Amino acid sequence: MQSLRELYKIGRGPSSSHTIGPERAIKEIKQRYPDADALKVVLYGSLAMTGKGHGTDNVIIKTAEPLYCEVSFDFETPCPVHPNTMDVKVLREGKTLAVKRVYSVGGGTIVFDGEKTAGKDADKVYNLSTFHDIADHCISNNIRLWQYVEKCEGKEIFNFLLDIWEQMKQTIHDGITTSGELPGGLGTQRRAQYLYHQRHIDESAQTRENRLVCSYAFATSEQNAAGGIIVTAPTCGSSGVMPAVLKYMQDSRGFTDEQIARALAAGGIIGNIIKTNASISGAECGCQAEIGTACSMASAALAELFELGLGQIEYAAEVAMEHHLGLTCDPIAGLVQIPCIERNAVAAMRAINALSLADFLSESRKVSFDTVVETMYSTGRDLLNKYRETASGGLAEFYKNNKS
């Protein structure tokens, strides 16, 4: 598995696959071909179907500057390798220097066709890639998940994770202090600020927890939808879950930043396992791959924060993913707003519920985390194409029909 630096990325929304990935691709191509004076980019599959809503063309053109850049959308050509496919023709005085095919495989990670410079098998930091094997290693060496991360990545990884945590907190702050309408034409109003301040007179502790967790999830997701700076955890569209639960627990329970960093490490292992053995791409496996993974990561992070055992951490992550199986990715108008923003809040509350179940019931579990990851990948590949981030099925389809 790759470093957690390839899982948690700081970047601009609204989509890791549709904005951060293509941006990285164009930057890489500009570095490889410094003599180029123009680029012609063709987007296929999900990149084409929801590229306008995600602003993919705008990001590519802006990143290509000062080079002339032309972006076109191909809605017909199949994408046999990955649904987020793009071709980049590199030009100099009208002559073709190269044509590069790039896959944006989720979480901002890119793979150049035929190359091993990126992707699941490149730059391995972790030799183990299943929870079963990692847990056995931890048990044999009497270490926790965060110590396994430290062993593989070195102590400096926690400086990186502290920076990640600072950005997560900053994004929440920016989100709950901003109001108004989100861009894109749906007329979606920001609601994080309202949720944060709208305390009920007779508010119970449980209601307060739900309200604050939701406000933090909304804050991050709304910042993402507005093109603000977020942390992929594991993607832009699911970036609100991890920060929401960790921020709430730090504020309510007094956990230190160092403890949060350890929780991010444990959650990162879960995200890495899914990214390596399945997918974190909504275009490949539906929203179960994004929000399901985020919920699993958050559940495991919480379990680490409360110093639960390895079996309980596994159970929390498994419960979180199991009950997102089959979740479709059907963003209205291709925007990461409806149902994406609310979905982050629901998943954050579900992560806390998974923690509670793991605390009580881990000894009775029947399904391993590795099994549910395999199941998610198989389920995702079985989903009809219209339910995999094409904005042509589900809510996206019926909202459009009802509006017309």
Protein backbone atom coordinates (compact mmCIF):
# COMPACT_ATOMS: atom_id res chain seq x y z
CA MET A 1 0.00 0.00 0.00
CA GLN A 2 1.05 3.58 -0.60
CA SER A 3 1.82 6.24 1.98
CA LEU A 4 -1.03 8.01 3.76
CA ARG A 5 0.28 11.10 1.98
CA GLU A 6 -1.37 9.65 -1.14
CA LEU A 7 -4.69 9.21 0.68
CA TYR A 8 -5.04 12.49 2.57
CA LYS A 9 -4.51 15.35 0.13
CA ILE A 10 -5.13 19.05 0.63
CA GLY A 11 -6.76 20.57 -2.41
CA ARG A 12 -9.71 22.42 -3.86
CA GLY A 13 -13.13 20.87 -4.37
CA PRO A 14 -15.57 19.93 -5.55
CA SER A 15 -14.27 16.54 -6.72
CA SER A 16 -11.03 14.68 -6.18
CA SER A 17 -11.57 12.60 -9.34
CA HIS A 18 -12.86 15.47 -11.46
CA THR A 19 -10.79 18.42 -10.26
CA ILE A 20 -7.76 17.39 -8.19
CA GLY A 21 -6.90 14.41 -10.42
CA PRO A 22 -7.10 16.25 -13.76
CA GLU A 23 -5.24 19.20 -12.24
CA ARG A 24 -2.40 16.89 -11.18
CA ALA A 25 -2.37 15.29 -14.61
CA ILE A 26 -2.00 18.61 -16.44
CA LYS A 27 0.73 19.77 -14.03
CA GLU A 28 2.63 16.52 -14.61
CA ILE A 29 2.34 16.83 -18.39
CA LYS A 30 3.55 20.44 -18.32
CA GLN A 31 6.61 19.31 -16.36
CA ARG A 32 7.30 16.48 -18.79
CA TYR A 33 6.92 18.65 -21.90
CA PRO A 34 8.26 22.12 -21.08
CA ASP A 35 8.46 23.04 -24.80
CA ALA A 36 4.73 22.50 -25.38
CA ASP A 37 2.66 25.52 -26.36
CA ALA A 38 -0.81 23.91 -26.51
CA LEU A 39 -2.86 21.03 -25.15
CA LYS A 40 -5.97 19.32 -26.48
CA VAL A 41 -7.85 17.35 -23.84
CA VAL A 42 -10.68 14.88 -24.39
CA LEU A 43 -12.76 13.75 -21.41
CA TYR A 44 -14.53 10.38 -21.44
CA GLY A 45 -16.95 8.45 -19.24
CA SER A 46 -17.83 10.05 -15.93
CA LEU A 47 -15.33 12.85 -16.54
CA ALA A 48 -17.41 13.79 -19.58
CA MET A 49 -20.86 13.13 -18.12
CA THR A 50 -20.38 15.26 -15.01
CA GLY A 51 -17.41 17.34 -16.08
CA LYS A 52 -19.42 20.52 -16.53
CA GLY A 53 -21.06 20.22 -13.13
CA HIS A 54 -17.73 19.55 -11.45
CA GLY A 55 -15.96 22.30 -13.40
CA THR A 56 -13.41 19.85 -14.81
CA ASP A 57 -12.91 21.81 -18.02
CA ASN A 58 -12.34 25.06 -16.13
CA VAL A 59 -9.76 23.46 -13.84
CA ILE A 60 -7.89 21.96 -16.79
CA ILE A 61 -7.83 25.22 -18.75
CA LYS A 62 -6.71 27.23 -15.72
CA THR A 63 -4.00 24.71 -14.80
CA ALA A 64 -2.71 24.63 -18.38
CA GLU A 65 -2.05 28.39 -18.44
CA PRO A 66 -0.17 30.02 -20.11
CA LEU A 67 -0.53 27.20 -22.66
CA TYR A 68 -3.51 27.30 -25.01
CA CYS A 69 -5.86 24.50 -23.98
CA GLU A 70 -8.93 23.07 -25.67
CA VAL A 71 -11.22 20.69 -23.75
CA SER A 72 -13.87 18.51 -25.39
CA PHE A 73 -16.34 15.94 -24.05
CA ASP A 74 -16.79 12.46 -25.55
CA PHE A 75 -19.97 10.86 -24.20
CA GLU A 76 -19.92 7.75 -26.41
CA THR A 77 -16.50 6.08 -26.37
CA PRO A 78 -16.33 3.21 -23.83
CA CYS A 79 -13.85 3.36 -20.95
CA PRO A 80 -12.74 -0.25 -20.41
CA VAL A 81 -10.00 0.51 -17.89
CA HIS A 82 -11.59 3.20 -15.70
CA PRO A 83 -14.65 5.45 -16.15
CA ASN A 84 -12.58 8.54 -15.35
CA THR A 85 -10.48 8.61 -18.50
CA MET A 86 -8.88 11.55 -20.28
CA ASP A 87 -6.60 11.92 -23.30
CA VAL A 88 -4.13 14.78 -23.49
CA LYS A 89 -2.54 15.68 -26.83
CA VAL A 90 0.63 17.72 -26.33
CA LEU A 91 1.42 20.18 -29.13
CA ARG A 92 4.27 22.43 -30.23
CA GLU A 93 3.66 24.78 -33.17
CA GLY A 94 0.85 22.55 -34.34
CA LYS A 95 2.88 19.34 -34.24
CA THR A 96 2.04 16.52 -31.84
CA LEU A 97 4.75 15.84 -29.27
CA ALA A 98 2.82 13.13 -27.40
CA VAL A 99 -0.61 11.77 -26.59
CA LYS A 100 -1.09 10.64 -23.01
CA ARG A 101 -4.05 8.72 -21.61
CA VAL A 102 -4.65 9.37 -17.93
CA TYR A 103 -7.02 7.71 -15.46
CA SER A 104 -8.26 9.63 -12.43
CA VAL A 105 -8.82 6.66 -10.13
CA GLY A 106 -10.21 8.38 -7.03
CA GLY A 107 -9.02 10.56 -4.20
CA GLY A 108 -7.01 12.72 -6.59
CA THR A 109 -4.72 9.83 -7.58
CA ILE A 110 -3.83 9.57 -11.28
CA VAL A 111 -2.44 6.74 -13.38
CA PHE A 112 -0.77 7.25 -16.78
CA ASP A 113 -1.69 4.44 -19.15
CA GLY A 114 1.12 1.93 -19.49
CA GLU A 115 3.20 3.47 -16.74
CA LYS A 116 3.88 2.42 -13.16
CA THR A 117 4.65 5.87 -11.82
CA ALA A 118 1.37 6.06 -9.94
CA GLY A 119 -1.52 3.91 -8.83
CA LYS A 120 -2.21 1.08 -6.45
CA ASP A 121 1.08 -0.81 -6.90
CA ALA A 122 3.50 2.10 -7.07
CA ASP A 123 5.68 3.51 -4.29
CA LYS A 124 4.76 0.86 -1.75
CA VAL A 125 5.27 1.88 1.85
CA TYR A 126 3.20 -0.88 3.44
CA ASN A 127 3.99 -4.50 2.51
CA LEU A 128 0.72 -5.72 4.04
CA SER A 129 -2.59 -4.83 2.41
CA THR A 130 -5.40 -6.66 4.22
CA PHE A 131 -6.79 -5.99 7.66
CA HIS A 132 -6.28 -9.64 8.59
CA ASP A 133 -2.54 -9.50 7.87
CA ILE A 134 -2.06 -6.08 9.44
CA ALA A 135 -3.93 -7.14 12.58
CA ASP A 136 -1.83 -10.30 12.87
CA HIS A 137 1.32 -8.20 12.57
CA CYS A 138 0.10 -5.77 15.23
CA ILE A 139 -0.85 -8.57 17.60
CA SER A 140 2.48 -10.36 17.09
CA ASN A 141 4.40 -7.17 17.80
CA ASN A 142 2.06 -5.87 20.52
CA ILE A 143 1.46 -2.56 18.74
CA ARG A 144 -1.59 -0.51 17.79
CA LEU A 145 -2.57 0.55 14.27
CA TRP A 146 -1.05 4.00 14.65
CA GLN A 147 2.23 2.41 15.74
CA TYR A 148 2.14 0.22 12.65
CA VAL A 149 1.82 3.42 10.58
CA GLU A 150 4.78 4.90 12.43
CA LYS A 151 6.81 1.74 11.86
CA CYS A 152 6.16 1.82 8.10
CA GLU A 153 6.28 5.57 7.46
CA GLY A 154 8.54 6.92 10.20
CA LYS A 155 7.70 9.36 12.98
CA GLU A 156 7.59 12.26 10.53
CA ILE A 157 4.25 11.01 9.20
CA PHE A 158 2.64 12.49 12.29
CA ASN A 159 3.86 15.98 11.39
CA PHE A 160 2.02 15.48 8.11
CA LEU A 161 -1.11 14.22 9.89
CA LEU A 162 -1.05 17.19 12.25
CA ASP A 163 -1.00 19.48 9.21
CA ILE A 164 -3.91 17.51 7.77
CA TRP A 165 -5.83 17.97 11.01
CA GLU A 166 -5.16 21.71 11.04
CA GLN A 167 -6.60 22.01 7.54
CA MET A 168 -9.64 19.93 8.50
CA LYS A 169 -10.33 22.28 11.41
CA GLN A 170 -9.77 25.35 9.24
CA THR A 171 -12.22 24.07 6.65
CA ILE A 172 -14.86 23.53 9.32
CA HIS A 173 -14.27 27.04 10.65
CA ASP A 174 -14.57 28.53 7.17
CA GLY A 175 -17.76 26.58 6.54
CA ILE A 176 -19.61 27.51 9.72
CA THR A 177 -18.72 31.18 9.32
CA THR A 178 -19.98 31.48 5.75
CA SER A 179 -23.55 31.78 4.52
CA GLY A 180 -25.21 32.28 1.16
CA GLU A 181 -25.92 30.27 -1.96
CA LEU A 182 -23.61 27.63 -3.39
CA PRO A 183 -22.55 28.04 -7.03
CA GLY A 184 -23.93 25.84 -9.77
CA GLY A 185 -27.49 26.99 -10.40
CA LEU A 186 -29.43 24.67 -8.06
CA GLY A 187 -30.03 27.46 -5.57
CA THR A 188 -28.64 25.35 -2.72
CA GLN A 189 -28.28 27.42 0.42
CA ARG A 190 -25.45 26.88 2.89
CA ARG A 191 -26.85 25.45 6.13
CA ALA A 192 -23.81 24.69 8.29
CA GLN A 193 -23.91 28.06 10.05
CA TYR A 194 -27.61 27.65 10.87
CA LEU A 195 -27.09 24.15 12.25
CA TYR A 196 -24.15 25.28 14.37
CA HIS A 197 -25.98 28.18 16.03
CA GLN A 198 -29.59 26.96 16.10
CA ARG A 199 -29.68 25.43 19.58
CA HIS A 200 -33.04 24.26 20.91
CA ILE A 201 -34.11 25.64 24.28
CA ASP A 202 -34.62 22.14 25.71
CA GLU A 203 -31.87 20.51 23.66
CA SER A 204 -30.79 17.11 24.97
CA ALA A 205 -27.18 15.96 24.93
CA GLN A 206 -27.97 13.56 22.08
CA THR A 207 -29.65 16.27 20.02
CA ARG A 208 -26.72 18.60 20.59
CA GLU A 209 -24.29 15.91 19.44
CA ASN A 210 -26.27 15.27 16.28
CA ARG A 211 -26.62 18.97 15.53
CA LEU A 212 -22.94 19.79 15.99
CA VAL A 213 -21.66 16.72 14.14
CA CYS A 214 -23.99 17.54 11.26
CA SER A 215 -22.96 21.20 11.25
CA TYR A 216 -19.29 20.23 10.93
CA ALA A 217 -20.04 17.75 8.15
CA PHE A 218 -22.16 20.35 6.33
CA ALA A 219 -19.42 22.97 6.81
CA THR A 220 -16.74 20.88 5.12
CA SER A 221 -19.04 19.60 2.38
CA GLU A 222 -20.31 23.09 1.58
CA GLN A 223 -16.76 24.39 1.37
CA ASN A 224 -16.01 21.56 -1.01
CA ALA A 225 -19.07 22.32 -3.13
CA ALA A 226 -17.96 25.95 -3.34
CA GLY A 227 -14.47 25.00 -4.55
CA GLY A 228 -12.86 25.70 -1.21
CA ILE A 229 -9.83 23.98 0.27
CA ILE A 230 -10.54 20.60 1.86
CA VAL A 231 -8.79 17.34 2.72
CA THR A 232 -9.62 14.23 0.73
CA ALA A 233 -10.76 11.68 3.29
CA PRO A 234 -10.74 9.72 1.12
CA THR A 235 -12.31 11.95 -1.58
CA CYS A 236 -13.60 15.49 -1.95
CA GLY A 237 -17.22 14.34 -2.10
CA SER A 238 -16.83 12.45 1.17
CA SER A 239 -14.49 14.91 2.87
CA GLY A 240 -16.93 15.96 5.59
CA VAL A 241 -17.23 12.72 7.57
CA MET A 242 -13.83 12.34 9.23
CA PRO A 243 -13.42 16.00 10.25
CA ALA A 244 -16.94 16.14 11.68
CA VAL A 245 -16.61 13.26 14.12
CA LEU A 246 -13.04 14.06 15.15
CA LYS A 247 -13.78 17.76 15.70
CA TYR A 248 -16.81 16.92 17.83
CA MET A 249 -14.90 14.40 19.93
CA GLN A 250 -11.97 16.75 20.47
CA ASP A 251 -14.26 19.57 21.56
CA SER A 252 -16.48 17.42 23.78
CA ARG A 253 -13.91 14.99 25.21
CA GLY A 254 -10.71 17.04 25.19
CA PHE A 255 -8.58 14.77 22.99
CA THR A 256 -5.23 16.31 22.05
CA ASP A 257 -4.10 17.00 18.51
CA GLU A 258 -1.57 14.20 18.89
CA GLN A 259 -4.35 11.75 19.75
CA ILE A 260 -6.33 12.95 16.74
CA ALA A 261 -3.28 12.37 14.52
CA ARG A 262 -3.10 8.79 15.77
CA ALA A 263 -6.79 8.39 14.98
CA LEU A 264 -6.17 9.74 11.47
CA ALA A 265 -3.41 7.17 11.07
CA ALA A 266 -5.72 4.30 12.03
CA GLY A 267 -8.50 5.60 9.80
CA GLY A 268 -5.96 6.03 7.02
CA ILE A 269 -5.04 2.34 7.17
CA ILE A 270 -8.71 1.48 6.61
CA GLY A 271 -8.93 3.88 3.67
CA ASN A 272 -5.72 2.50 2.20
CA ILE A 273 -6.99 -1.09 2.43
CA ILE A 274 -10.14 -0.14 0.53
CA LYS A 275 -8.23 1.93 -2.03
CA THR A 276 -5.79 -0.94 -2.64
CA ASN A 277 -8.20 -3.89 -2.74
CA ALA A 278 -11.33 -2.21 -4.08
CA SER A 279 -11.98 1.43 -5.00
CA ILE A 280 -12.67 4.84 -3.53
CA SER A 281 -14.03 6.15 -6.83
CA GLY A 282 -17.72 6.97 -7.14
CA ALA A 283 -17.41 6.66 -10.90
CA GLU A 284 -16.14 3.11 -10.53
CA CYS A 285 -18.20 1.74 -7.61
CA GLY A 286 -20.87 4.29 -6.69
CA CYS A 287 -21.09 6.36 -3.54
CA GLN A 288 -20.52 3.30 -1.36
CA ALA A 289 -16.87 3.61 -2.44
CA GLU A 290 -16.71 7.24 -1.31
CA ILE A 291 -19.07 7.84 1.59
CA GLY A 292 -18.92 4.19 2.69
CA THR A 293 -15.14 4.37 2.85
CA ALA A 294 -15.25 7.70 4.68
CA CYS A 295 -17.65 6.23 7.24
CA SER A 296 -15.38 3.18 7.73
CA MET A 297 -12.35 5.42 8.13
CA ALA A 298 -14.16 7.64 10.63
CA SER A 299 -15.44 4.65 12.63
CA ALA A 300 -11.96 3.15 12.86
CA ALA A 301 -10.49 6.53 13.79
CA LEU A 302 -13.01 6.91 16.60
CA ALA A 303 -12.30 3.39 17.84
CA GLU A 304 -8.58 4.20 17.91
CA LEU A 305 -9.30 7.48 19.67
CA PHE A 306 -11.07 5.57 22.45
CA GLU A 307 -8.30 2.94 22.46
CA LEU A 308 -10.57 0.02 21.60
CA GLY A 309 -9.03 -3.30 20.62
CA LEU A 310 -8.15 -4.38 17.10
CA GLY A 311 -11.24 -6.58 16.88
CA GLN A 312 -13.44 -3.65 17.86
CA ILE A 313 -11.72 -1.35 15.36
CA GLU A 314 -12.32 -3.91 12.63
CA TYR A 315 -15.95 -4.34 13.63
CA ALA A 316 -16.58 -0.59 13.63
CA ALA A 317 -15.10 -0.25 10.13
CA GLU A 318 -16.98 -3.31 8.87
CA VAL A 319 -20.36 -2.15 10.21
CA ALA A 320 -19.85 1.27 8.64
CA MET A 321 -19.15 -0.13 5.19
CA GLU A 322 -21.66 -2.99 5.32
CA HIS A 323 -24.55 -0.60 5.77
CA HIS A 324 -23.53 1.53 2.82
CA LEU A 325 -23.38 -1.39 0.38
CA GLY A 326 -25.13 -0.61 -2.88
CA LEU A 327 -25.25 3.15 -2.30
CA THR A 328 -25.47 4.87 -5.67
CA CYS A 329 -23.68 7.99 -6.85
CA ASP A 330 -26.35 10.17 -8.48
CA PRO A 331 -25.42 13.84 -8.02
CA ILE A 332 -28.11 16.20 -9.27
CA ALA A 333 -26.81 18.24 -12.23
CA GLY A 334 -23.39 16.66 -11.68
CA LEU A 335 -22.85 18.98 -8.72
CA VAL A 336 -21.43 17.73 -5.42
CA GLN A 337 -24.39 19.17 -3.50
CA ILE A 338 -27.54 17.04 -3.56
CA PRO A 339 -27.52 14.44 -2.04
CA CYS A 340 -23.79 14.68 -1.28
CA ILE A 341 -23.80 17.30 1.49
CA GLU A 342 -26.51 15.68 3.61
CA ARG A 343 -24.97 12.27 2.94
CA ASN A 344 -21.77 13.35 4.69
CA ALA A 345 -23.75 14.32 7.78
CA VAL A 346 -25.69 11.05 7.83
CA ALA A 347 -22.47 9.05 7.46
CA ALA A 348 -20.82 11.00 10.30
CA MET A 349 -23.66 10.10 12.66
CA ARG A 350 -23.52 6.51 11.43
CA ALA A 351 -19.79 6.38 12.23
CA ILE A 352 -20.55 7.24 15.85
CA ASN A 353 -23.25 4.57 15.91
CA ALA A 354 -20.78 2.02 14.50
CA LEU A 355 -18.37 2.91 17.30
CA SER A 356 -21.06 2.18 19.89
CA LEU A 357 -21.95 -1.15 18.30
CA ALA A 358 -18.29 -2.14 18.18
CA ASP A 359 -17.92 -1.31 21.84
CA PHE A 360 -20.81 -3.63 22.73
CA LEU A 361 -20.93 -6.37 20.13
CA SER A 362 -17.53 -6.96 18.50
CA GLU A 363 -17.21 -10.46 19.92
CA SER A 364 -20.34 -11.58 18.05
CA ARG A 365 -19.35 -10.36 14.58
CA LYS A 366 -19.55 -12.80 11.66
CA VAL A 367 -18.21 -10.74 8.73
CA SER A 368 -14.60 -9.64 8.44
CA PHE A 369 -13.63 -6.20 7.20
CA ASP A 370 -11.72 -7.73 4.28
CA THR A 371 -14.86 -9.60 3.23
CA VAL A 372 -17.00 -6.48 3.23
CA VAL A 373 -14.37 -4.64 1.16
CA GLU A 374 -14.43 -7.43 -1.42
CA THR A 375 -18.23 -7.33 -1.37
CA MET A 376 -18.31 -3.58 -1.90
CA TYR A 377 -16.04 -3.81 -4.92
CA SER A 378 -18.10 -6.57 -6.50
CA THR A 379 -21.34 -4.71 -5.77
CA GLY A 380 -19.95 -1.50 -7.24
CA ARG A 381 -18.89 -3.15 -10.45
CA ASP A 382 -22.41 -4.61 -10.78
CA LEU A 383 -24.09 -1.20 -10.48
CA LEU A 384 -25.59 0.13 -13.68
CA ASN A 385 -23.48 2.86 -15.24
CA LYS A 386 -26.16 5.48 -14.58
CA TYR A 387 -25.66 4.98 -10.84
CA ARG A 388 -21.91 5.59 -10.98
CA GLU A 389 -21.40 9.38 -11.02
CA THR A 390 -22.85 10.02 -14.45
CA ALA A 391 -25.75 12.20 -13.20
CA SER A 392 -28.05 10.20 -15.47
CA GLY A 393 -29.88 8.00 -12.94
CA GLY A 394 -31.45 8.04 -9.50
CA LEU A 395 -32.03 11.44 -7.95
CA ALA A 396 -30.28 13.17 -10.84
CA GLU A 397 -32.72 11.65 -13.32
CA PHE A 398 -35.94 12.16 -11.40
CA TYR A 399 -35.09 15.65 -10.18
CA LYS A 400 -34.49 16.67 -13.78
CA ASN A 401 -37.73 15.06 -14.91
CA ASN A 402 -39.74 16.66 -12.12
CA LYS A 403 -38.31 20.07 -12.93
CA SER A 404 -39.17 19.85 -16.64
